[in-house]
C-alpha atoms as a PDB file:
ATOM      1  CA  UNK A   1     -82.339 -62.740  55.028  1.00  0.00           C
ATOM      2  CA  UNK A   2     -82.208 -59.036  55.863  1.00  0.00           C
ATOM      3  CA  UNK A   3     -82.540 -57.067  59.070  1.00  0.00           C
ATOM      4  CA  UNK A   4     -82.337 -53.433  60.175  1.00  0.00           C
ATOM      5  CA  UNK A   5     -80.098 -52.308  63.008  1.00  0.00           C
ATOM      6  CA  UNK A   6     -80.908 -49.479  65.416  1.00  0.00           C
ATOM      7  CA  UNK A   7     -80.207 -46.654  62.974  1.00  0.00           C
ATOM      8  CA  UNK A   8     -82.400 -48.225  60.279  1.00  0.00           C
ATOM      9  CA  UNK A   9     -79.561 -49.419  58.042  1.00  0.00           C
ATOM     10  CA  UNK A  10     -79.963 -52.762  56.340  1.00  0.00           C
ATOM     11  CA  UNK A  11     -77.730 -55.735  57.099  1.00  0.00           C
ATOM     12  CA  UNK A  12     -78.264 -58.920  55.068  1.00  0.00           C
ATOM     13  CA  UNK A  13     -76.501 -62.233  54.552  1.00  0.00           C
ATOM     14  CA  UNK A  14     -77.435 -63.110  50.967  1.00  0.00           C
ATOM     15  CA  UNK A  15     -78.651 -61.065  47.980  1.00  0.00           C
ATOM     16  CA  UNK A  16     -81.998 -61.315  46.190  1.00  0.00           C
ATOM     17  CA  UNK A  17     -80.959 -62.031  42.608  1.00  0.00           C
ATOM     18  CA  UNK A  18     -82.211 -63.734  39.477  1.00  0.00           C
ATOM     19  CA  UNK A  19     -80.512 -66.826  38.072  1.00  0.00           C
ATOM     20  CA  UNK A  20     -79.011 -64.903  35.152  1.00  0.00           C
ATOM     21  CA  UNK A  21     -77.179 -62.435  37.402  1.00  0.00           C
ATOM     22  CA  UNK A  22     -76.044 -65.180  39.765  1.00  0.00           C
ATOM     23  CA  UNK A  23     -74.309 -66.937  36.858  1.00  0.00           C
ATOM     24  CA  UNK A  24     -73.517 -70.526  35.974  1.00  0.00           C
ATOM     25  CA  UNK A  25     -70.499 -70.940  38.254  1.00  0.00           C
ATOM     26  CA  UNK A  26     -71.332 -73.593  40.915  1.00  0.00           C
ATOM     27  CA  UNK A  27     -68.302 -72.502  42.989  1.00  0.00           C
ATOM     28  CA  UNK A  28     -69.287 -68.868  43.330  1.00  0.00           C
ATOM     29  CA  UNK A  29     -67.293 -66.664  45.686  1.00  0.00           C
ATOM     30  CA  UNK A  30     -69.038 -63.554  46.942  1.00  0.00           C
ATOM     31  CA  UNK A  31     -67.797 -60.587  48.961  1.00  0.00           C
ATOM     32  CA  UNK A  32     -70.003 -58.784  51.471  1.00  0.00           C
ATOM     33  CA  UNK A  33     -69.672 -55.187  52.650  1.00  0.00           C
ATOM     34  CA  UNK A  34     -72.093 -53.905  55.297  1.00  0.00           C
ATOM     35  CA  UNK A  35     -73.471 -50.400  54.648  1.00  0.00           C
ATOM     36  CA  UNK A  36     -71.041 -49.968  51.760  1.00  0.00           C
ATOM     37  CA  UNK A  37     -73.284 -48.017  49.365  1.00  0.00           C
ATOM     38  CA  UNK A  38     -76.555 -46.123  49.296  1.00  0.00           C
ATOM     39  CA  UNK A  39     -79.520 -47.774  47.603  1.00  0.00           C
ATOM     40  CA  UNK A  40     -80.053 -46.163  44.196  1.00  0.00           C
ATOM     41  CA  UNK A  41     -83.801 -45.943  44.828  1.00  0.00           C
ATOM     42  CA  UNK A  42     -84.337 -45.055  48.500  1.00  0.00           C
ATOM     43  CA  UNK A  43     -80.737 -43.793  49.123  1.00  0.00           C
ATOM     44  CA  UNK A  44     -80.449 -45.689  52.442  1.00  0.00           C
ATOM     45  CA  UNK A  45     -77.196 -47.557  53.215  1.00  0.00           C
ATOM     46  CA  UNK A  46     -77.400 -51.304  52.641  1.00  0.00           C
ATOM     47  CA  UNK A  47     -75.234 -54.413  52.415  1.00  0.00           C
ATOM     48  CA  UNK A  48     -73.509 -54.645  49.035  1.00  0.00           C
ATOM     49  CA  UNK A  49     -72.626 -58.045  47.535  1.00  0.00           C
ATOM     50  CA  UNK A  50     -70.083 -58.404  44.747  1.00  0.00           C
ATOM     51  CA  UNK A  51     -69.211 -61.502  42.694  1.00  0.00           C
ATOM     52  CA  UNK A  52     -68.128 -62.750  39.292  1.00  0.00           C
ATOM     53  CA  UNK A  53     -70.906 -64.815  37.641  1.00  0.00           C
ATOM     54  CA  UNK A  54     -68.568 -66.764  35.367  1.00  0.00           C
ATOM     55  CA  UNK A  55     -65.049 -67.095  34.048  1.00  0.00           C
ATOM     56  CA  UNK A  56     -65.528 -64.666  31.157  1.00  0.00           C
ATOM     57  CA  UNK A  57     -68.045 -62.427  32.897  1.00  0.00           C
ATOM     58  CA  UNK A  58     -67.664 -59.020  34.494  1.00  0.00           C
ATOM     59  CA  UNK A  59     -68.053 -58.479  38.221  1.00  0.00           C
ATOM     60  CA  UNK A  60     -71.583 -57.687  39.364  1.00  0.00           C
ATOM     61  CA  UNK A  61     -72.903 -56.065  42.524  1.00  0.00           C
ATOM     62  CA  UNK A  62     -76.246 -55.311  44.131  1.00  0.00           C
ATOM     63  CA  UNK A  63     -77.612 -51.873  43.232  1.00  0.00           C
ATOM     64  CA  UNK A  64     -80.706 -51.537  45.443  1.00  0.00           C
ATOM     65  CA  UNK A  65     -81.578 -52.621  48.979  1.00  0.00           C
ATOM     66  CA  UNK A  66     -83.689 -55.661  49.777  1.00  0.00           C
ATOM     67  CA  UNK A  67     -86.661 -53.583  50.930  1.00  0.00           C
ATOM     68  CA  UNK A  68     -86.946 -51.929  47.502  1.00  0.00           C
ATOM     69  CA  UNK A  69     -86.344 -55.286  45.838  1.00  0.00           C
ATOM     70  CA  UNK A  70     -89.217 -56.947  47.716  1.00  0.00           C
ATOM     71  CA  UNK A  71     -91.625 -54.068  47.103  1.00  0.00           C
ATOM     72  CA  UNK A  72     -91.379 -54.582  43.338  1.00  0.00           C
ATOM     73  CA  UNK A  73     -90.349 -58.271  43.319  1.00  0.00           C
ATOM     74  CA  UNK A  74     -87.239 -57.468  41.273  1.00  0.00           C
ATOM     75  CA  UNK A  75     -83.604 -58.571  41.228  1.00  0.00           C
ATOM     76  CA  UNK A  76     -81.225 -56.407  43.274  1.00  0.00           C
ATOM     77  CA  UNK A  77     -78.800 -56.285  40.345  1.00  0.00           C
ATOM     78  CA  UNK A  78     -80.656 -56.039  37.016  1.00  0.00           C
ATOM     79  CA  UNK A  79     -84.020 -54.864  38.468  1.00  0.00           C
ATOM     80  CA  UNK A  80     -85.940 -57.318  36.284  1.00  0.00           C
ATOM     81  CA  UNK A  81     -88.928 -59.222  37.650  1.00  0.00           C
ATOM     82  CA  UNK A  82     -87.851 -62.327  39.581  1.00  0.00           C
ATOM     83  CA  UNK A  83     -90.742 -64.451  38.321  1.00  0.00           C
ATOM     84  CA  UNK A  84     -90.825 -63.620  34.605  1.00  0.00           C
ATOM     85  CA  UNK A  85     -87.456 -61.950  33.886  1.00  0.00           C
ATOM     86  CA  UNK A  86     -89.181 -58.879  32.409  1.00  0.00           C
ATOM     87  CA  UNK A  87     -88.844 -55.123  33.024  1.00  0.00           C
ATOM     88  CA  UNK A  88     -91.275 -53.668  35.574  1.00  0.00           C
ATOM     89  CA  UNK A  89     -93.002 -51.561  32.920  1.00  0.00           C
ATOM     90  CA  UNK A  90     -93.753 -54.614  30.754  1.00  0.00           C
ATOM     91  CA  UNK A  91     -94.982 -56.680  33.693  1.00  0.00           C
ATOM     92  CA  UNK A  92     -97.233 -53.967  35.110  1.00  0.00           C
ATOM     93  CA  UNK A  93     -98.652 -53.066  31.699  1.00  0.00           C
ATOM     94  CA  UNK A  94     -99.382 -56.693  30.823  1.00  0.00           C
ATOM     95  CA  UNK A  95    -100.977 -57.449  34.201  1.00  0.00           C
ATOM     96  CA  UNK A  96    -102.835 -54.112  34.238  1.00  0.00           C
ATOM     97  CA  UNK A  97    -101.230 -53.049  37.515  1.00  0.00           C
ATOM     98  CA  UNK A  98    -101.119 -49.362  38.424  1.00  0.00           C
ATOM     99  CA  UNK A  99     -97.922 -48.809  40.419  1.00  0.00           C
ATOM    100  CA  UNK A 100     -97.056 -45.265  39.360  1.00  0.00           C
ATOM    101  CA  UNK A 101     -97.628 -43.888  42.870  1.00  0.00           C
ATOM    102  CA  UNK A 102     -97.189 -47.099  44.879  1.00  0.00           C
ATOM    103  CA  UNK A 103     -93.630 -46.182  45.923  1.00  0.00           C
ATOM    104  CA  UNK A 104     -93.135 -42.496  46.867  1.00  0.00           C
ATOM    105  CA  UNK A 105     -90.402 -40.525  45.117  1.00  0.00           C
ATOM    106  CA  UNK A 106     -89.875 -37.612  47.494  1.00  0.00           C
ATOM    107  CA  UNK A 107     -87.114 -38.061  50.085  1.00  0.00           C
ATOM    108  CA  UNK A 108     -89.298 -37.728  53.196  1.00  0.00           C
ATOM    109  CA  UNK A 109     -92.193 -39.875  51.978  1.00  0.00           C
ATOM    110  CA  UNK A 110     -89.838 -42.503  50.582  1.00  0.00           C
ATOM    111  CA  UNK A 111     -87.993 -42.791  53.905  1.00  0.00           C
ATOM    112  CA  UNK A 112     -91.245 -43.075  55.857  1.00  0.00           C
ATOM    113  CA  UNK A 113     -92.617 -45.631  53.394  1.00  0.00           C
ATOM    114  CA  UNK A 114     -89.525 -47.855  53.702  1.00  0.00           C
ATOM    115  CA  UNK A 115     -89.448 -47.608  57.500  1.00  0.00           C
ATOM    116  CA  UNK A 116     -93.123 -48.597  57.718  1.00  0.00           C
ATOM    117  CA  UNK A 117     -92.482 -51.746  55.731  1.00  0.00           C
ATOM    118  CA  UNK A 118     -89.427 -52.574  57.818  1.00  0.00           C
ATOM    119  CA  UNK A 119     -91.535 -52.145  60.958  1.00  0.00           C
ATOM    120  CA  UNK A 120     -94.092 -54.584  59.555  1.00  0.00           C
ATOM    121  CA  UNK A 121     -91.311 -57.081  58.912  1.00  0.00           C
ATOM    122  CA  UNK A 122     -90.058 -56.865  62.494  1.00  0.00           C
ATOM    123  CA  UNK A 123     -93.637 -57.374  63.691  1.00  0.00           C
ATOM    124  CA  UNK A 124     -93.856 -60.579  61.684  1.00  0.00           C
ATOM    125  CA  UNK A 125     -96.300 -59.241  59.088  1.00  0.00           C
ATOM    126  CA  UNK A 126     -95.955 -60.259  55.450  1.00  0.00           C
ATOM    127  CA  UNK A 127     -95.679 -57.122  53.343  1.00  0.00           C
ATOM    128  CA  UNK A 128     -93.849 -58.631  50.401  1.00  0.00           C
ATOM    129  CA  UNK A 129     -95.077 -58.027  46.887  1.00  0.00           C
ATOM    130  CA  UNK A 130     -97.843 -60.135  45.385  1.00  0.00           C
ATOM    131  CA  UNK A 131     -96.392 -59.898  41.860  1.00  0.00           C
ATOM    132  CA  UNK A 132     -94.934 -63.388  41.998  1.00  0.00           C
ATOM    133  CA  UNK A 133     -98.335 -64.863  42.950  1.00  0.00           C
ATOM    134  CA  UNK A 134    -100.228 -63.335  40.016  1.00  0.00           C
ATOM    135  CA  UNK A 135    -101.276 -65.441  37.045  1.00  0.00           C
ATOM    136  CA  UNK A 136     -99.444 -64.537  33.799  1.00  0.00           C
ATOM    137  CA  UNK A 137    -101.383 -63.627  30.668  1.00  0.00           C
ATOM    138  CA  UNK A 138    -100.550 -64.065  26.973  1.00  0.00           C
ATOM    139  CA  UNK A 139     -98.264 -61.006  26.817  1.00  0.00           C
ATOM    140  CA  UNK A 140     -96.241 -62.244  29.793  1.00  0.00           C
ATOM    141  CA  UNK A 141     -95.977 -65.762  28.386  1.00  0.00           C
ATOM    142  CA  UNK A 142     -94.807 -64.463  25.003  1.00  0.00           C
ATOM    143  CA  UNK A 143     -91.894 -62.504  26.435  1.00  0.00           C
ATOM    144  CA  UNK A 144     -90.918 -64.194  29.699  1.00  0.00           C
ATOM    145  CA  UNK A 145     -87.512 -65.844  29.954  1.00  0.00           C
ATOM    146  CA  UNK A 146     -87.734 -69.525  30.808  1.00  0.00           C
ATOM    147  CA  UNK A 147     -83.950 -70.014  30.910  1.00  0.00           C
ATOM    148  CA  UNK A 148     -81.063 -67.924  32.298  1.00  0.00           C
ATOM    149  CA  UNK A 149     -79.626 -65.315  29.912  1.00  0.00           C
ATOM    150  CA  UNK A 150     -75.916 -65.284  30.721  1.00  0.00           C
ATOM    151  CA  UNK A 151     -74.995 -63.031  27.774  1.00  0.00           C
ATOM    152  CA  UNK A 152     -76.026 -60.155  30.035  1.00  0.00           C
ATOM    153  CA  UNK A 153     -72.944 -60.857  32.164  1.00  0.00           C
ATOM    154  CA  UNK A 154     -70.421 -60.250  29.372  1.00  0.00           C
ATOM    155  CA  UNK A 155     -67.601 -57.734  30.001  1.00  0.00           C
ATOM    156  CA  UNK A 156     -68.141 -54.107  29.073  1.00  0.00           C
ATOM    157  CA  UNK A 157     -66.947 -52.690  25.767  1.00  0.00           C
ATOM    158  CA  UNK A 158     -63.284 -51.609  25.746  1.00  0.00           C
ATOM    159  CA  UNK A 159     -63.187 -47.806  25.547  1.00  0.00           C
ATOM    160  CA  UNK A 160     -59.621 -47.874  24.217  1.00  0.00           C
ATOM    161  CA  UNK A 161     -60.704 -50.183  21.381  1.00  0.00           C
ATOM    162  CA  UNK A 162     -63.481 -47.813  20.334  1.00  0.00           C
ATOM    163  CA  UNK A 163     -60.843 -45.070  20.073  1.00  0.00           C
ATOM    164  CA  UNK A 164     -58.465 -47.378  18.185  1.00  0.00           C
ATOM    165  CA  UNK A 165     -55.825 -47.311  20.940  1.00  0.00           C
ATOM    166  CA  UNK A 166     -56.111 -50.701  22.720  1.00  0.00           C
ATOM    167  CA  UNK A 167     -52.745 -52.508  22.740  1.00  0.00           C
ATOM    168  CA  UNK A 168     -53.760 -55.623  24.700  1.00  0.00           C
ATOM    169  CA  UNK A 169     -55.256 -57.512  21.781  1.00  0.00           C
ATOM    170  CA  UNK A 170     -56.678 -60.922  22.715  1.00  0.00           C
ATOM    171  CA  UNK A 171     -55.483 -60.466  26.321  1.00  0.00           C
ATOM    172  CA  UNK A 172     -57.830 -57.534  26.893  1.00  0.00           C
ATOM    173  CA  UNK A 173     -60.449 -58.284  29.540  1.00  0.00           C
ATOM    174  CA  UNK A 174     -63.044 -56.142  27.776  1.00  0.00           C
ATOM    175  CA  UNK A 175     -65.033 -56.701  24.593  1.00  0.00           C
ATOM    176  CA  UNK A 176     -63.546 -55.518  21.327  1.00  0.00           C
ATOM    177  CA  UNK A 177     -66.631 -54.289  19.519  1.00  0.00           C
ATOM    178  CA  UNK A 178     -68.353 -51.002  18.886  1.00  0.00           C
ATOM    179  CA  UNK A 179     -70.860 -49.912  21.549  1.00  0.00           C
ATOM    180  CA  UNK A 180     -74.560 -49.934  20.796  1.00  0.00           C
ATOM    181  CA  UNK A 181     -76.247 -46.647  20.050  1.00  0.00           C
ATOM    182  CA  UNK A 182     -79.858 -45.495  20.159  1.00  0.00           C
ATOM    183  CA  UNK A 183     -82.397 -45.553  22.970  1.00  0.00           C
ATOM    184  CA  UNK A 184     -81.122 -48.837  24.438  1.00  0.00           C
ATOM    185  CA  UNK A 185     -77.781 -47.174  25.176  1.00  0.00           C
ATOM    186  CA  UNK A 186     -79.461 -44.779  27.626  1.00  0.00           C
ATOM    187  CA  UNK A 187     -80.936 -46.830  30.459  1.00  0.00           C
ATOM    188  CA  UNK A 188     -81.632 -45.534  33.942  1.00  0.00           C
ATOM    189  CA  UNK A 189     -81.995 -47.550  37.150  1.00  0.00           C
ATOM    190  CA  UNK A 190     -84.832 -45.436  38.565  1.00  0.00           C
ATOM    191  CA  UNK A 191     -86.750 -45.536  35.277  1.00  0.00           C
ATOM    192  CA  UNK A 192     -86.373 -49.330  35.264  1.00  0.00           C
ATOM    193  CA  UNK A 193     -87.504 -49.616  38.893  1.00  0.00           C
ATOM    194  CA  UNK A 194     -90.528 -47.321  38.651  1.00  0.00           C
ATOM    195  CA  UNK A 195     -91.485 -48.641  35.207  1.00  0.00           C
ATOM    196  CA  UNK A 196     -91.335 -45.303  33.412  1.00  0.00           C
ATOM    197  CA  UNK A 197     -89.710 -44.483  30.065  1.00  0.00           C
ATOM    198  CA  UNK A 198     -87.711 -47.723  30.076  1.00  0.00           C
ATOM    199  CA  UNK A 199     -86.342 -48.200  26.513  1.00  0.00           C
ATOM    200  CA  UNK A 200     -86.083 -51.990  26.907  1.00  0.00           C
ATOM    201  CA  UNK A 201     -89.695 -52.184  28.070  1.00  0.00           C
ATOM    202  CA  UNK A 202     -90.881 -49.966  25.227  1.00  0.00           C
ATOM    203  CA  UNK A 203     -89.149 -52.230  22.723  1.00  0.00           C
ATOM    204  CA  UNK A 204     -90.815 -55.348  24.159  1.00  0.00           C
ATOM    205  CA  UNK A 205     -94.227 -53.688  24.315  1.00  0.00           C
ATOM    206  CA  UNK A 206     -93.800 -52.609  20.701  1.00  0.00           C
ATOM    207  CA  UNK A 207     -93.132 -56.213  19.700  1.00  0.00           C
ATOM    208  CA  UNK A 208     -96.205 -57.330  21.621  1.00  0.00           C
ATOM    209  CA  UNK A 209     -98.328 -54.926  19.603  1.00  0.00           C
ATOM    210  CA  UNK A 210     -96.971 -56.338  16.348  1.00  0.00           C
ATOM    211  CA  UNK A 211     -97.771 -59.959  17.271  1.00  0.00           C
ATOM    212  CA  UNK A 212    -100.811 -61.559  15.786  1.00  0.00           C
ATOM    213  CA  UNK A 213    -103.946 -62.087  17.812  1.00  0.00           C
ATOM    214  CA  UNK A 214    -104.740 -65.488  19.310  1.00  0.00           C
ATOM    215  CA  UNK A 215    -108.472 -64.930  18.842  1.00  0.00           C
ATOM    216  CA  UNK A 216    -110.178 -67.546  16.639  1.00  0.00           C
ATOM    217  CA  UNK A 217    -110.587 -66.386  13.020  1.00  0.00           C
ATOM    218  CA  UNK A 218    -114.071 -65.422  11.882  1.00  0.00           C
ATOM    219  CA  UNK A 219    -114.002 -68.079   9.170  1.00  0.00           C
ATOM    220  CA  UNK A 220    -115.557 -71.103  10.916  1.00  0.00           C
ATOM    221  CA  UNK A 221    -114.140 -73.447   8.282  1.00  0.00           C
ATOM    222  CA  UNK A 222    -110.600 -72.942   9.604  1.00  0.00           C
ATOM    223  CA  UNK A 223    -109.777 -75.933  11.807  1.00  0.00           C
ATOM    224  CA  UNK A 224    -106.009 -76.020  11.238  1.00  0.00           C
ATOM    225  CA  UNK A 225    -103.256 -74.921  13.623  1.00  0.00           C
ATOM    226  CA  UNK A 226     -99.742 -73.926  12.561  1.00  0.00           C
ATOM    227  CA  UNK A 227     -96.734 -75.182  14.554  1.00  0.00           C
ATOM    228  CA  UNK A 228     -93.392 -73.452  13.975  1.00  0.00           C
ATOM    229  CA  UNK A 229     -89.848 -74.086  15.168  1.00  0.00           C
ATOM    230  CA  UNK A 230     -89.714 -77.867  14.678  1.00  0.00           C
ATOM    231  CA  UNK A 231     -86.489 -79.837  14.480  1.00  0.00           C
ATOM    232  CA  UNK A 232     -85.589 -83.290  13.176  1.00  0.00           C
ATOM    233  CA  UNK A 233     -86.109 -84.906  16.595  1.00  0.00           C
ATOM    234  CA  UNK A 234     -89.844 -84.127  16.686  1.00  0.00           C
ATOM    235  CA  UNK A 235     -91.888 -86.681  14.723  1.00  0.00           C
ATOM    236  CA  UNK A 236     -95.586 -86.986  13.923  1.00  0.00           C
ATOM    237  CA  UNK A 237     -96.345 -89.187  16.929  1.00  0.00           C
ATOM    238  CA  UNK A 238     -94.887 -86.563  19.289  1.00  0.00           C
ATOM    239  CA  UNK A 239     -97.233 -83.934  17.861  1.00  0.00           C
ATOM    240  CA  UNK A 240    -100.199 -86.293  17.975  1.00  0.00           C
ATOM    241  CA  UNK A 241     -99.552 -87.132  21.631  1.00  0.00           C
ATOM    242  CA  UNK A 242     -99.612 -83.422  22.460  1.00  0.00           C
ATOM    243  CA  UNK A 243    -102.784 -82.502  20.544  1.00  0.00           C
ATOM    244  CA  UNK A 244    -105.077 -85.547  20.614  1.00  0.00           C
ATOM    245  CA  UNK A 245    -106.496 -84.703  24.057  1.00  0.00           C
ATOM    246  CA  UNK A 246    -108.381 -81.686  22.702  1.00  0.00           C
ATOM    247  CA  UNK A 247    -110.333 -83.368  19.925  1.00  0.00           C
ATOM    248  CA  UNK A 248    -110.254 -85.812  17.028  1.00  0.00           C
ATOM    249  CA  UNK A 249    -107.377 -85.061  14.647  1.00  0.00           C
ATOM    250  CA  UNK A 250    -108.078 -85.253  10.940  1.00  0.00           C
ATOM    251  CA  UNK A 251    -104.490 -84.939   9.717  1.00  0.00           C
ATOM    252  CA  UNK A 252    -100.962 -83.887  10.673  1.00  0.00           C
ATOM    253  CA  UNK A 253     -98.737 -82.519   7.918  1.00  0.00           C
ATOM    254  CA  UNK A 254     -95.028 -81.924   8.639  1.00  0.00           C
ATOM    255  CA  UNK A 255     -92.920 -79.713   6.344  1.00  0.00           C
ATOM    256  CA  UNK A 256     -89.398 -80.615   7.406  1.00  0.00           C
ATOM    257  CA  UNK A 257     -87.704 -78.200   4.995  1.00  0.00           C
ATOM    258  CA  UNK A 258     -89.672 -75.297   6.525  1.00  0.00           C
ATOM    259  CA  UNK A 259     -89.408 -76.595  10.115  1.00  0.00           C
ATOM    260  CA  UNK A 260     -93.161 -76.375  10.624  1.00  0.00           C
ATOM    261  CA  UNK A 261     -96.279 -78.547  10.775  1.00  0.00           C
ATOM    262  CA  UNK A 262    -100.046 -78.232  10.399  1.00  0.00           C
ATOM    263  CA  UNK A 263    -102.543 -79.985  12.666  1.00  0.00           C
ATOM    264  CA  UNK A 264    -106.111 -80.191  11.345  1.00  0.00           C
ATOM    265  CA  UNK A 265    -109.003 -81.153  13.626  1.00  0.00           C
ATOM    266  CA  UNK A 266    -112.292 -82.647  12.503  1.00  0.00           C
ATOM    267  CA  UNK A 267    -114.181 -79.974  14.474  1.00  0.00           C
ATOM    268  CA  UNK A 268    -113.653 -76.270  15.088  1.00  0.00           C
ATOM    269  CA  UNK A 269    -114.222 -76.790  18.808  1.00  0.00           C
ATOM    270  CA  UNK A 270    -111.189 -79.081  19.083  1.00  0.00           C
ATOM    271  CA  UNK A 271    -108.954 -76.536  17.354  1.00  0.00           C
ATOM    272  CA  UNK A 272    -110.153 -73.730  19.627  1.00  0.00           C
ATOM    273  CA  UNK A 273    -109.608 -75.826  22.754  1.00  0.00           C
ATOM    274  CA  UNK A 274    -106.072 -76.777  21.683  1.00  0.00           C
ATOM    275  CA  UNK A 275    -105.255 -73.154  20.900  1.00  0.00           C
ATOM    276  CA  UNK A 276    -106.559 -71.962  24.236  1.00  0.00           C
ATOM    277  CA  UNK A 277    -104.659 -74.564  26.257  1.00  0.00           C
ATOM    278  CA  UNK A 278    -101.362 -74.653  24.338  1.00  0.00           C
ATOM    279  CA  UNK A 279    -100.800 -71.118  23.039  1.00  0.00           C
ATOM    280  CA  UNK A 280     -97.447 -69.839  24.361  1.00  0.00           C
ATOM    281  CA  UNK A 281     -97.112 -73.085  26.355  1.00  0.00           C
ATOM    282  CA  UNK A 282     -96.339 -75.609  23.624  1.00  0.00           C
ATOM    283  CA  UNK A 283     -93.193 -77.593  24.455  1.00  0.00           C
ATOM    284  CA  UNK A 284     -92.385 -80.885  22.695  1.00  0.00           C
ATOM    285  CA  UNK A 285     -89.260 -82.897  23.543  1.00  0.00           C
ATOM    286  CA  UNK A 286     -87.925 -79.955  25.523  1.00  0.00           C
ATOM    287  CA  UNK A 287     -88.276 -77.525  22.615  1.00  0.00           C
ATOM    288  CA  UNK A 288     -90.568 -74.515  22.835  1.00  0.00           C
ATOM    289  CA  UNK A 289     -92.662 -74.153  19.682  1.00  0.00           C
ATOM    290  CA  UNK A 290     -94.776 -71.454  18.042  1.00  0.00           C
ATOM    291  CA  UNK A 291     -98.520 -72.081  17.773  1.00  0.00           C
ATOM    292  CA  UNK A 292    -100.810 -70.001  15.550  1.00  0.00           C
ATOM    293  CA  UNK A 293    -104.041 -70.336  13.657  1.00  0.00           C
ATOM    294  CA  UNK A 294    -103.666 -71.642  10.122  1.00  0.00           C
ATOM    295  CA  UNK A 295    -104.742 -69.591   7.134  1.00  0.00           C
ATOM    296  CA  UNK A 296    -107.512 -70.588   4.733  1.00  0.00           C
ATOM    297  CA  UNK A 297    -106.308 -72.224   1.550  1.00  0.00           C
ATOM    298  CA  UNK A 298    -106.560 -70.072  -1.545  1.00  0.00           C
ATOM    299  CA  UNK A 299    -108.099 -72.034  -4.434  1.00  0.00           C
ATOM    300  CA  UNK A 300    -105.755 -72.605  -7.362  1.00  0.00           C
ATOM    301  CA  UNK A 301    -106.514 -70.633 -10.500  1.00  0.00           C
ATOM    302  CA  UNK A 302    -107.164 -72.805 -13.523  1.00  0.00           C
END
């Protein structure tokens, strides 16, 4: 896919991108410019690809070279993980990977590091990252993207509109809305790549800390699991088919108005087994559902 010529500059024939950045257009046209820009991580010239992901999308281009992309297993455009669609900081924190010093930051060491990996490639050695081969944990499964997120490809905000001076109206190629403020408005490519001080990652990690634990409750009498996010297509038999393999089911109660259901097992062991196997993996009729432990019933006051 990529090769280095005599002076060490990269020449490639196709980019390393995620499905979201590539877009939903099956008739994609892409331009290629050899040695057009310097990689925003290692600063070495590389082949830049440019394309329009969709009819109403903005043009996108590769920002880093393929060597840097392979070292972190990230997209050349958005720098998100190719396997899970998450920022590097979230992935490394969740998988307990220490990569702070894995890629040098000084100019000399960074150049030597990249050349060593290119030499290994020419020698036929596999140096590519092992991130994609690692088993995800609960934090990864909670936040990973299972489908492309094309909203990321929307046009930029119209600067004339924010100043109240855009005269194009509906014909304007940019979005007519006020720009977002706060930490998410200040994102940096190197921070995203090295997994340091990434505001998007910090937001996701903060949500992970707020999520409830999947550990079994101390009350051994609790044998009920909560299922959230149901729709009218999912019926009791669909739920039973998904849960019966883990133990004998005592009852299934569906609350259609609250789009949820409760599955009660006859034994605590069955409930624990179902929770362990299906947490963050529960999909019924193509719909991803929420699975949590049920709460003990509070006795009614007479």
